[in-house]
Amino acid sequence: MNSTVLIVDDEPSARATLEAILEGQGYHLEIAKDGKEALEKAAALLPDVILLDVMMPGMDGFEVCRRLRSTQNLAEVPIILLTALDDRFFLVRGIEAGADDYLTKPVDRQELTARVATITRLNRYRTLLQQREDLFLMAARMVAAQEEERKRISRELHDEFGQALTALTLSLHNLQTDLAEQPDLEQRVAVLVEETNATLDRIRNLAQDLRPPALDTLGFQKAITTFCEDFSWRSNIPVVLQIDPSIDELPDLYAVTLHRVLQESLTNIVKHANATQIWVDLEQEDNQLGLTIQDNGRGFDTANLESDGIGLLGIRERLALAGGKLTLRSRMGHGTVLSAQLPIVSAATAARED
């Protein structure tokens, strides 16, 4: 596959010069006439290298460079700035904006050819994209394997031990009835019944924690809706849930991750926040899937945060495995906002994961 070079320049003569230098060398050349078009084409093409003019009307090359670097799929694409500003101040601005290299106009044919050939030969950007996708798939397989094991253990706890303890409880109740005329023995059996019921409850809770059955029976959106309703009933804290209707059913990796994040976050709120209201939003925007959980509790100082003390370390690790990230905002007396972001995977990647 030929390497794609995106040429960004508002001057027709400059674009024609660059095309003349690079044509016939096996590159697929694409043109953008301004910053807006450059961002659109870069997102659609994922070019192997971008030749970016600095002095353009509207959005200059520095701003284009910064926006490219802030876009997840384009953050690592090699960018060569083309500038007539042979000044150290502007060159430093270009590097700070995220450029990898720069060439001074008018460009030297041999130097431009050599720079582009070196970048495309190393193919750093494509390698990073492939490594990122491979890591995602590896994490997906690992989480899938963990969840299958959790599902198996949960099923065995519920079916084998749960049924055995239920039968034991019934037998103890029958024995309790037969011992009605022997108070001491009846009391001892009553204690056994109570302990058996407590053990049964613990096993049920453990099975639920290992793998929420609702994910398999109801699907992700209905599962978190049911969870929020049950949580609100148990904790007596109103939970307002909003789900972006454009979101389709999620891959298991994402569904499990976000469900766990929601569970852990709401548990933390009950334990630490002293909140009277919780808002949960699931939305999709700019190639990102976001779960935001906000409360009106007492908040805390994030500068002195003991992450593992309130369960945030586990949330960060879960998100990291799925290629996501956690952001947290909190202020004393003004509640907390926790946001979990996951990149929206391509259909091809999702298919490979499945």
Protein backbone atom coordinates (compact mmCIF):
# COMPACT_ATOMS: atom_id res chain seq x y z
CA MET A 1 0.00 0.00 0.00
CA ASN A 2 1.38 3.42 -1.01
CA SER A 3 2.06 5.92 1.77
CA THR A 4 -0.37 8.85 1.89
CA VAL A 5 1.05 12.38 2.01
CA LEU A 6 -1.34 15.22 2.84
CA ILE A 7 -0.18 18.60 1.49
CA VAL A 8 -1.73 21.60 3.26
CA ASP A 9 -1.13 25.03 1.71
CA ASP A 10 -3.39 27.91 0.71
CA GLU A 11 -1.17 28.97 -2.23
CA PRO A 12 -1.82 27.07 -5.50
CA SER A 13 1.76 27.58 -6.71
CA ALA A 14 3.19 26.15 -3.48
CA ARG A 15 0.90 23.12 -3.68
CA ALA A 16 1.86 22.56 -7.30
CA THR A 17 5.57 22.72 -6.40
CA LEU A 18 5.23 20.13 -3.67
CA GLU A 19 3.19 17.84 -5.91
CA ALA A 20 5.79 18.13 -8.67
CA ILE A 21 8.58 17.19 -6.26
CA LEU A 22 6.80 14.14 -4.82
CA GLU A 23 4.84 12.78 -7.76
CA GLY A 24 6.24 9.69 -9.40
CA GLN A 25 7.80 8.47 -6.14
CA GLY A 26 5.05 6.04 -5.20
CA TYR A 27 3.11 8.29 -2.80
CA HIS A 28 -0.61 8.83 -2.73
CA LEU A 29 -0.87 12.64 -2.66
CA GLU A 30 -3.83 14.49 -1.17
CA ILE A 31 -4.40 18.27 -1.09
CA ALA A 32 -6.01 20.57 1.48
CA LYS A 33 -6.36 24.29 0.78
CA ASP A 34 -6.90 25.53 4.34
CA GLY A 35 -6.83 24.44 7.97
CA LYS A 36 -10.44 23.30 8.15
CA GLU A 37 -10.09 21.09 5.09
CA ALA A 38 -6.81 19.75 6.46
CA LEU A 39 -8.46 18.57 9.68
CA GLU A 40 -11.32 16.95 7.77
CA LYS A 41 -9.05 15.14 5.32
CA ALA A 42 -6.61 14.07 8.01
CA ALA A 43 -9.46 12.48 10.01
CA ALA A 44 -10.78 10.69 6.92
CA LEU A 45 -7.46 9.56 5.42
CA LEU A 46 -5.15 8.99 8.43
CA PRO A 47 -2.16 10.10 6.30
CA ASP A 48 1.35 8.79 6.85
CA VAL A 49 2.82 12.30 6.86
CA ILE A 50 1.43 15.86 6.68
CA LEU A 51 3.27 18.73 4.96
CA LEU A 52 1.76 21.75 6.69
CA ASP A 53 2.16 25.39 5.70
CA VAL A 54 2.37 27.81 8.63
CA MET A 55 1.04 31.07 7.16
CA MET A 56 -2.58 30.41 6.18
CA PRO A 57 -5.61 32.68 6.59
CA GLY A 58 -8.23 31.80 9.16
CA MET A 59 -6.53 28.88 10.89
CA ASP A 60 -2.75 28.96 10.70
CA GLY A 61 -0.47 25.92 10.69
CA PHE A 62 0.29 26.19 14.42
CA GLU A 63 -3.41 25.88 15.29
CA VAL A 64 -3.91 23.02 12.82
CA CYS A 65 -0.95 21.24 14.39
CA ARG A 66 -2.34 21.67 17.91
CA ARG A 67 -5.74 20.34 16.88
CA LEU A 68 -4.21 17.33 15.17
CA ARG A 69 -2.23 16.52 18.30
CA SER A 70 -5.39 16.74 20.43
CA THR A 71 -7.24 14.23 18.20
CA GLN A 72 -6.72 10.66 19.38
CA ASN A 73 -6.29 8.93 16.01
CA LEU A 74 -4.04 11.71 14.69
CA ALA A 75 -1.96 12.48 17.76
CA GLU A 76 1.06 10.57 16.43
CA VAL A 77 0.91 11.39 12.71
CA PRO A 78 4.26 12.90 11.55
CA ILE A 79 3.93 16.63 10.73
CA ILE A 80 6.51 18.66 8.80
CA LEU A 81 5.95 22.41 8.98
CA LEU A 82 6.72 24.45 5.89
CA THR A 83 7.55 28.04 6.74
CA ALA A 84 9.12 31.13 5.23
CA LEU A 85 9.60 32.44 8.77
CA ASP A 86 13.25 31.60 9.29
CA ASP A 87 13.15 32.77 12.88
CA ARG A 88 13.93 30.84 16.05
CA PHE A 89 10.80 32.12 17.82
CA PHE A 90 8.47 30.71 15.13
CA LEU A 91 10.39 27.46 14.91
CA VAL A 92 10.02 26.97 18.66
CA ARG A 93 6.30 27.72 18.35
CA GLY A 94 6.03 24.99 15.75
CA ILE A 95 7.76 22.41 17.94
CA GLU A 96 5.62 23.41 20.92
CA ALA A 97 2.49 23.00 18.77
CA GLY A 98 3.54 19.40 18.12
CA ALA A 99 5.40 19.45 14.80
CA ASP A 100 8.02 16.75 14.26
CA ASP A 101 10.17 18.71 11.82
CA TYR A 102 10.23 21.85 9.69
CA LEU A 103 11.49 22.99 6.32
CA THR A 104 12.13 26.56 5.23
CA LYS A 105 10.46 27.84 2.06
CA PRO A 106 11.31 27.67 -0.74
CA VAL A 107 11.87 24.01 0.00
CA ASP A 108 14.90 22.20 -1.34
CA ARG A 109 13.85 19.31 -3.58
CA GLN A 110 16.43 16.83 -2.30
CA GLU A 111 15.87 17.73 1.36
CA LEU A 112 12.07 17.40 1.11
CA THR A 113 12.36 14.10 -0.76
CA ALA A 114 14.78 12.73 1.83
CA ARG A 115 12.67 13.83 4.84
CA VAL A 116 9.44 12.34 3.48
CA ALA A 117 11.19 9.12 2.39
CA THR A 118 12.73 8.67 5.83
CA ILE A 119 9.42 9.19 7.65
CA THR A 120 7.43 6.86 5.39
CA ARG A 121 10.16 4.22 5.52
CA LEU A 122 10.16 4.21 9.32
CA ASN A 123 6.36 4.22 9.19
CA ARG A 124 6.21 5.25 12.85
CA TYR A 125 2.61 6.38 12.73
CA ARG A 126 1.25 3.19 11.18
CA THR A 127 3.30 1.12 13.60
CA LEU A 128 1.89 3.00 16.58
CA LEU A 129 -1.66 2.63 15.28
CA GLN A 130 -1.16 -1.10 14.82
CA GLN A 131 0.42 -1.49 18.26
CA ARG A 132 -2.45 0.43 19.82
CA GLU A 133 -5.00 -1.79 18.09
CA ASP A 134 -3.07 -4.93 19.05
CA LEU A 135 -3.01 -3.79 22.69
CA PHE A 136 -6.73 -3.14 22.58
CA LEU A 137 -7.42 -6.60 21.16
CA MET A 138 -5.14 -8.22 23.71
CA ALA A 139 -6.90 -6.40 26.53
CA ALA A 140 -10.26 -7.39 25.07
CA ARG A 141 -9.25 -11.04 24.95
CA MET A 142 -7.89 -10.91 28.50
CA VAL A 143 -11.03 -9.28 29.86
CA ALA A 144 -13.18 -11.72 27.90
CA ALA A 145 -11.27 -14.64 29.41
CA GLN A 146 -11.61 -13.15 32.89
CA GLU A 147 -15.32 -12.60 32.41
CA GLU A 148 -15.84 -16.14 31.12
CA GLU A 149 -14.12 -17.46 34.25
CA ARG A 150 -16.15 -15.12 36.44
CA LYS A 151 -19.30 -16.29 34.68
CA ARG A 152 -18.39 -19.93 35.28
CA ILE A 153 -17.62 -19.36 38.97
CA SER A 154 -20.75 -17.27 39.40
CA ARG A 155 -22.85 -19.99 37.79
CA GLU A 156 -21.32 -22.67 39.99
CA LEU A 157 -21.81 -20.59 43.13
CA HIS A 158 -25.44 -19.98 42.25
CA ASP A 159 -26.33 -23.41 40.87
CA GLU A 160 -24.21 -25.81 42.94
CA PHE A 161 -23.57 -24.18 46.31
CA GLY A 162 -26.71 -22.08 46.26
CA GLN A 163 -28.96 -25.07 45.63
CA ALA A 164 -27.10 -27.16 48.20
CA LEU A 165 -27.49 -24.49 50.87
CA THR A 166 -31.15 -23.99 49.98
CA ALA A 167 -31.75 -27.73 50.43
CA LEU A 168 -29.83 -27.62 53.71
CA THR A 169 -31.99 -24.74 54.93
CA LEU A 170 -35.17 -26.64 54.13
CA SER A 171 -33.88 -29.71 55.97
CA LEU A 172 -32.99 -27.60 59.00
CA HIS A 173 -36.45 -26.05 59.00
CA ASN A 174 -38.00 -29.53 58.94
CA LEU A 175 -35.71 -30.62 61.77
CA GLN A 176 -36.61 -27.50 63.70
CA THR A 177 -40.27 -28.45 63.45
CA ASP A 178 -39.56 -31.99 64.70
CA LEU A 179 -37.62 -30.63 67.69
CA ALA A 180 -40.37 -28.29 68.89
CA GLU A 181 -40.57 -30.21 72.19
CA GLN A 182 -36.80 -29.92 72.87
CA PRO A 183 -36.08 -26.18 73.37
CA ASP A 184 -32.28 -26.47 73.62
CA LEU A 185 -31.93 -28.41 70.38
CA GLU A 186 -34.49 -26.16 68.67
CA GLN A 187 -32.44 -23.10 69.58
CA ARG A 188 -29.24 -24.67 68.26
CA VAL A 189 -30.96 -25.57 64.98
CA ALA A 190 -32.32 -22.01 64.74
CA VAL A 191 -28.76 -20.72 64.93
CA LEU A 192 -27.74 -23.13 62.15
CA VAL A 193 -30.66 -21.94 60.01
CA GLU A 194 -29.63 -18.32 60.52
CA GLU A 195 -25.99 -19.03 59.68
CA THR A 196 -26.98 -21.03 56.59
CA ASN A 197 -29.19 -18.19 55.33
CA ALA A 198 -26.39 -15.70 55.91
CA THR A 199 -23.98 -17.91 53.97
CA LEU A 200 -26.50 -18.23 51.15
CA ASP A 201 -26.85 -14.43 50.99
CA ARG A 202 -23.07 -14.00 50.85
CA ILE A 203 -22.78 -16.51 48.01
CA ARG A 204 -25.55 -14.76 46.07
CA ASN A 205 -23.83 -11.40 46.54
CA LEU A 206 -20.51 -12.90 45.47
CA ALA A 207 -22.06 -14.40 42.35
CA GLN A 208 -23.62 -11.03 41.53
CA ASP A 209 -20.31 -9.20 42.01
CA LEU A 210 -18.38 -11.68 39.86
CA ARG A 211 -20.58 -11.20 36.82
CA PRO A 212 -23.78 -9.13 36.83
CA PRO A 213 -26.39 -11.50 35.31
CA ALA A 214 -28.29 -8.54 33.87
CA LEU A 215 -25.50 -7.90 31.34
CA ASP A 216 -26.16 -11.28 29.74
CA THR A 217 -29.94 -11.34 30.11
CA LEU A 218 -30.89 -7.69 29.54
CA GLY A 219 -28.01 -6.10 27.63
CA PHE A 220 -25.86 -3.18 28.77
CA GLN A 221 -28.30 -0.25 28.61
CA LYS A 222 -31.14 -2.07 30.36
CA ALA A 223 -28.67 -3.54 32.86
CA ILE A 224 -27.35 -0.15 34.00
CA THR A 225 -30.90 1.24 34.04
CA THR A 226 -31.98 -1.57 36.35
CA PHE A 227 -28.84 -1.19 38.45
CA CYS A 228 -29.43 2.56 38.95
CA GLU A 229 -33.07 1.93 39.90
CA ASP A 230 -32.11 -0.76 42.42
CA PHE A 231 -29.29 1.35 43.81
CA SER A 232 -31.61 4.32 44.28
CA TRP A 233 -34.13 2.13 46.10
CA ARG A 234 -31.49 0.56 48.37
CA SER A 235 -29.57 3.75 49.18
CA ASN A 236 -32.52 6.17 49.18
CA ILE A 237 -30.45 8.48 46.92
CA PRO A 238 -32.23 9.57 43.70
CA VAL A 239 -30.26 8.64 40.56
CA VAL A 240 -31.07 10.45 37.31
CA LEU A 241 -29.88 8.38 34.33
CA GLN A 242 -29.63 9.68 30.77
CA ILE A 243 -28.46 7.51 27.84
CA ASP A 244 -27.66 8.88 24.40
CA PRO A 245 -30.19 7.16 22.09
CA SER A 246 -27.60 6.96 19.29
CA ILE A 247 -25.47 4.50 21.27
CA ASP A 248 -25.70 0.93 19.98
CA GLU A 249 -25.12 -2.20 22.04
CA LEU A 250 -21.50 -2.20 23.19
CA PRO A 251 -18.72 -4.80 22.86
CA ASP A 252 -18.47 -6.94 25.99
CA LEU A 253 -15.16 -5.30 26.97
CA TYR A 254 -16.78 -1.88 27.11
CA ALA A 255 -20.05 -3.08 28.66
CA VAL A 256 -18.26 -4.86 31.51
CA THR A 257 -15.80 -1.99 32.06
CA LEU A 258 -18.44 0.74 32.24
CA HIS A 259 -20.76 -1.39 34.39
CA ARG A 260 -17.92 -1.94 36.87
CA VAL A 261 -17.02 1.76 36.82
CA LEU A 262 -20.64 2.64 37.58
CA GLN A 263 -20.84 0.09 40.40
CA GLU A 264 -17.63 1.24 42.03
CA SER A 265 -18.45 4.93 41.63
CA LEU A 266 -21.91 4.69 43.18
CA THR A 267 -20.51 2.58 46.02
CA ASN A 268 -17.88 5.27 46.67
CA ILE A 269 -20.58 7.96 46.74
CA VAL A 270 -22.56 6.07 49.38
CA LYS A 271 -19.46 5.46 51.49
CA HIS A 272 -17.80 8.85 51.26
CA ALA A 273 -19.83 11.62 49.63
CA ASN A 274 -22.86 12.13 51.89
CA ALA A 275 -24.76 13.02 48.69
CA THR A 276 -28.51 13.49 48.25
CA GLN A 277 -28.58 13.36 44.43
CA ILE A 278 -26.66 11.53 41.68
CA TRP A 279 -26.66 12.14 37.93
CA VAL A 280 -25.41 9.51 35.44
CA ASP A 281 -24.94 10.32 31.74
CA LEU A 282 -23.83 7.95 28.97
CA GLU A 283 -23.08 9.75 25.72
CA GLN A 284 -21.21 9.39 22.44
CA GLU A 285 -19.36 12.35 20.96
CA ASP A 286 -16.27 13.01 18.82
CA ASN A 287 -15.32 9.32 18.56
CA GLN A 288 -15.50 8.97 22.32
CA LEU A 289 -17.88 7.05 24.56
CA GLY A 290 -18.30 8.86 27.86
CA LEU A 291 -19.82 7.81 31.19
CA THR A 292 -20.17 10.76 33.58
CA ILE A 293 -21.20 10.32 37.21
CA GLN A 294 -21.88 13.45 39.26
CA ASP A 295 -23.02 13.90 42.85
CA ASN A 296 -23.87 16.86 45.07
CA GLY A 297 -21.93 15.52 48.04
CA ARG A 298 -19.25 17.04 50.20
CA GLY A 299 -16.47 16.70 47.60
CA PHE A 300 -12.79 16.42 48.41
CA ASP A 301 -9.39 17.90 47.65
CA THR A 302 -8.07 16.06 44.59
CA ALA A 303 -4.54 17.32 45.29
CA ASN A 304 -4.42 15.19 48.43
CA LEU A 305 -6.30 12.26 46.98
CA GLU A 306 -5.48 8.76 48.18
CA SER A 307 -6.64 7.03 44.99
CA ASP A 308 -6.65 3.47 46.25
CA GLY A 309 -8.33 4.61 49.46
CA ILE A 310 -11.64 5.29 47.71
CA GLY A 311 -11.48 2.79 44.91
CA LEU A 312 -10.31 5.09 42.12
CA LEU A 313 -7.19 3.06 41.46
CA GLY A 314 -9.28 0.07 40.40
CA ILE A 315 -11.40 2.27 38.14
CA ARG A 316 -8.30 3.72 36.46
CA GLU A 317 -6.86 0.25 35.90
CA ARG A 318 -10.10 -1.08 34.40
CA LEU A 319 -10.34 1.84 32.00
CA ALA A 320 -6.66 1.60 31.06
CA LEU A 321 -7.11 -2.05 30.08
CA ALA A 322 -9.86 -1.01 27.67
CA GLY A 323 -7.81 1.88 26.26
CA GLY A 324 -9.76 4.52 28.16
CA LYS A 325 -9.02 7.19 30.73
CA LEU A 326 -10.49 8.68 33.88
CA THR A 327 -10.92 12.37 34.68
CA LEU A 328 -12.02 13.63 38.07
CA ARG A 329 -13.18 17.05 39.25
CA SER A 330 -14.11 17.78 42.83
CA ARG A 331 -14.23 20.70 45.22
CA MET A 332 -14.88 20.71 48.94
CA GLY A 333 -18.58 21.31 49.51
CA HIS A 334 -19.45 21.25 45.80
CA GLY A 335 -19.65 17.55 44.92
CA THR A 336 -17.66 15.42 42.50
CA VAL A 337 -17.76 14.72 38.76
CA LEU A 338 -16.17 11.48 37.55
CA SER A 339 -15.87 10.94 33.81
CA ALA A 340 -14.79 7.72 32.08
CA GLN A 341 -13.90 7.98 28.38
CA LEU A 342 -13.41 5.10 25.97
CA PRO A 343 -12.47 5.39 22.29
CA ILE A 344 -15.13 4.20 19.88
CA VAL A 345 -13.62 1.23 18.08
CA SER A 346 -13.98 0.64 14.38
CA ALA A 347 -16.32 -2.04 13.08
CA ALA A 348 -13.29 -4.04 11.90
CA THR A 349 -11.67 -3.94 15.32
CA ALA A 350 -14.89 -4.87 17.07
CA ALA A 351 -15.30 -7.81 14.72
CA ARG A 352 -11.75 -8.99 15.43
CA GLU A 353 -12.42 -8.70 19.15
CA ASP A 354 -15.52 -10.86 18.89
